[in-house]
């Protein structure tokens, strides 16, 4: 597991590096672990991993030429963190309006199947 410090909206935070991005753990755990030093000193890695456990999640990525295996990697990271992955979609940048509608429709369909 790789951890990183970064700025989000010009405010310092921290997170877990995943293929295709970063999960902002500071948003949820910032009061308990305000920075990476606190995470490491107080053995907060397990708490960071628990953020996704049992939660429903969807993965998506945007691409210009070829998404490669980005979506599969993101989905497997969510799965390894314990999230219930509802689905995912690679969205071509030139077709965002159409692809975002498709992504939303798939999520609604999948959510209705779970009810």
Protein backbone atom coordinates (compact mmCIF):
# COMPACT_ATOMS: atom_id res chain seq x y z
CA UNK A 1 0.00 0.00 0.00
CA UNK A 2 1.43 3.38 -1.03
CA UNK A 3 0.48 6.52 0.85
CA UNK A 4 0.73 10.06 -0.44
CA UNK A 5 0.29 13.61 0.82
CA UNK A 6 -1.31 16.11 -1.55
CA UNK A 7 -3.34 19.30 -1.78
CA UNK A 8 -7.07 19.14 -2.49
CA UNK A 9 -8.75 22.50 -2.98
CA UNK A 10 -5.53 24.05 -1.64
CA UNK A 11 -5.83 22.12 1.65
CA UNK A 12 -3.37 19.41 2.70
CA UNK A 13 -4.69 15.87 2.88
CA UNK A 14 -3.43 12.33 2.42
CA UNK A 15 -4.54 9.14 0.73
CA UNK A 16 -3.83 5.72 -0.68
CA UNK A 17 -2.38 5.45 -4.18
CA UNK A 18 -4.32 3.18 -6.52
CA UNK A 19 -3.88 2.57 -10.23
CA UNK A 20 -5.42 5.55 -11.91
CA UNK A 21 -5.53 7.87 -8.91
CA UNK A 22 -5.65 8.38 -5.17
CA UNK A 23 -8.30 7.55 -2.57
CA UNK A 24 -8.59 10.64 -0.34
CA UNK A 25 -8.52 9.09 3.14
CA UNK A 26 -7.89 12.42 4.84
CA UNK A 27 -11.45 13.47 3.97
CA UNK A 28 -12.86 10.80 6.32
CA UNK A 29 -9.99 10.13 8.72
CA UNK A 30 -8.42 13.59 8.91
CA UNK A 31 -9.56 14.30 12.47
CA UNK A 32 -7.99 11.11 13.79
CA UNK A 33 -5.01 11.15 11.42
CA UNK A 34 -4.39 14.70 10.17
CA UNK A 35 -1.29 13.72 8.17
CA UNK A 36 0.80 10.73 7.12
CA UNK A 37 3.05 11.04 10.14
CA UNK A 38 0.00 10.51 12.38
CA UNK A 39 -1.18 7.57 10.26
CA UNK A 40 2.16 5.80 10.56
CA UNK A 41 2.76 6.70 14.23
CA UNK A 42 -0.71 5.55 15.29
CA UNK A 43 -0.96 2.47 13.05
CA UNK A 44 -3.76 3.95 10.98
CA UNK A 45 -3.28 1.81 7.87
CA UNK A 46 -6.02 -0.59 8.92
CA UNK A 47 -8.43 2.32 9.35
CA UNK A 48 -7.61 3.55 5.85
CA UNK A 49 -8.36 0.09 4.44
CA UNK A 50 -11.66 -0.10 6.35
CA UNK A 51 -13.01 2.97 4.55
CA UNK A 52 -14.18 0.91 1.60
CA UNK A 53 -15.12 -2.33 3.38
CA UNK A 54 -18.72 -3.28 2.67
CA UNK A 55 -19.47 -0.11 0.73
CA UNK A 56 -21.00 -0.13 -2.72
CA UNK A 57 -18.64 1.34 -5.30
CA UNK A 58 -18.32 1.94 -9.02
CA UNK A 59 -15.17 2.49 -11.00
CA UNK A 60 -14.72 4.72 -14.00
CA UNK A 61 -11.90 6.26 -15.95
CA UNK A 62 -11.67 8.69 -18.80
CA UNK A 63 -9.32 8.16 -21.71
CA UNK A 64 -8.23 9.78 -24.94
CA UNK A 65 -6.57 6.94 -26.86
CA UNK A 66 -6.88 3.63 -25.03
CA UNK A 67 -7.84 2.87 -21.43
CA UNK A 68 -5.72 -0.27 -21.40
CA UNK A 69 -6.31 -2.16 -18.16
CA UNK A 70 -6.97 0.93 -16.02
CA UNK A 71 -10.59 0.04 -15.31
CA UNK A 72 -9.79 -3.54 -14.37
CA UNK A 73 -7.02 -2.38 -12.04
CA UNK A 74 -9.28 0.17 -10.36
CA UNK A 75 -12.02 -2.43 -9.92
CA UNK A 76 -9.62 -4.96 -8.40
CA UNK A 77 -8.28 -2.35 -5.95
CA UNK A 78 -11.83 -1.50 -4.84
CA UNK A 79 -12.53 -5.21 -4.47
CA UNK A 80 -9.34 -5.80 -2.47
CA UNK A 81 -10.37 -3.01 -0.10
CA UNK A 82 -13.61 -4.86 0.58
CA UNK A 83 -15.98 -2.74 -1.51
CA UNK A 84 -18.91 -4.28 -3.36
CA UNK A 85 -18.19 -3.21 -6.93
CA UNK A 86 -21.43 -2.53 -8.77
CA UNK A 87 -19.76 -1.95 -12.12
CA UNK A 88 -17.49 0.26 -14.10
CA UNK A 89 -17.05 1.98 -17.41
CA UNK A 90 -14.21 3.53 -19.39
CA UNK A 91 -15.42 6.88 -20.74
CA UNK A 92 -13.91 8.27 -23.94
CA UNK A 93 -13.18 11.99 -23.48
CA UNK A 94 -14.65 12.88 -26.85
CA UNK A 95 -17.92 11.13 -25.97
CA UNK A 96 -18.40 12.11 -22.33
CA UNK A 97 -22.07 13.17 -22.62
CA UNK A 98 -23.11 9.83 -24.15
CA UNK A 99 -20.82 7.72 -21.99
CA UNK A 100 -21.82 9.40 -18.72
CA UNK A 101 -25.48 8.76 -19.53
CA UNK A 102 -24.63 5.10 -20.19
CA UNK A 103 -22.66 4.87 -16.93
CA UNK A 104 -25.52 6.39 -14.92
CA UNK A 105 -28.06 4.07 -16.57
CA UNK A 106 -25.96 1.01 -15.78
CA UNK A 107 -25.57 2.03 -12.14
CA UNK A 108 -29.30 2.63 -11.72
CA UNK A 109 -30.05 -0.72 -13.37
CA UNK A 110 -27.56 -2.52 -11.11
CA UNK A 111 -28.87 -0.76 -7.99
CA UNK A 112 -32.44 -1.77 -8.87
CA UNK A 113 -31.32 -5.40 -9.18
CA UNK A 114 -30.06 -5.27 -5.60
CA UNK A 115 -33.37 -4.06 -4.13
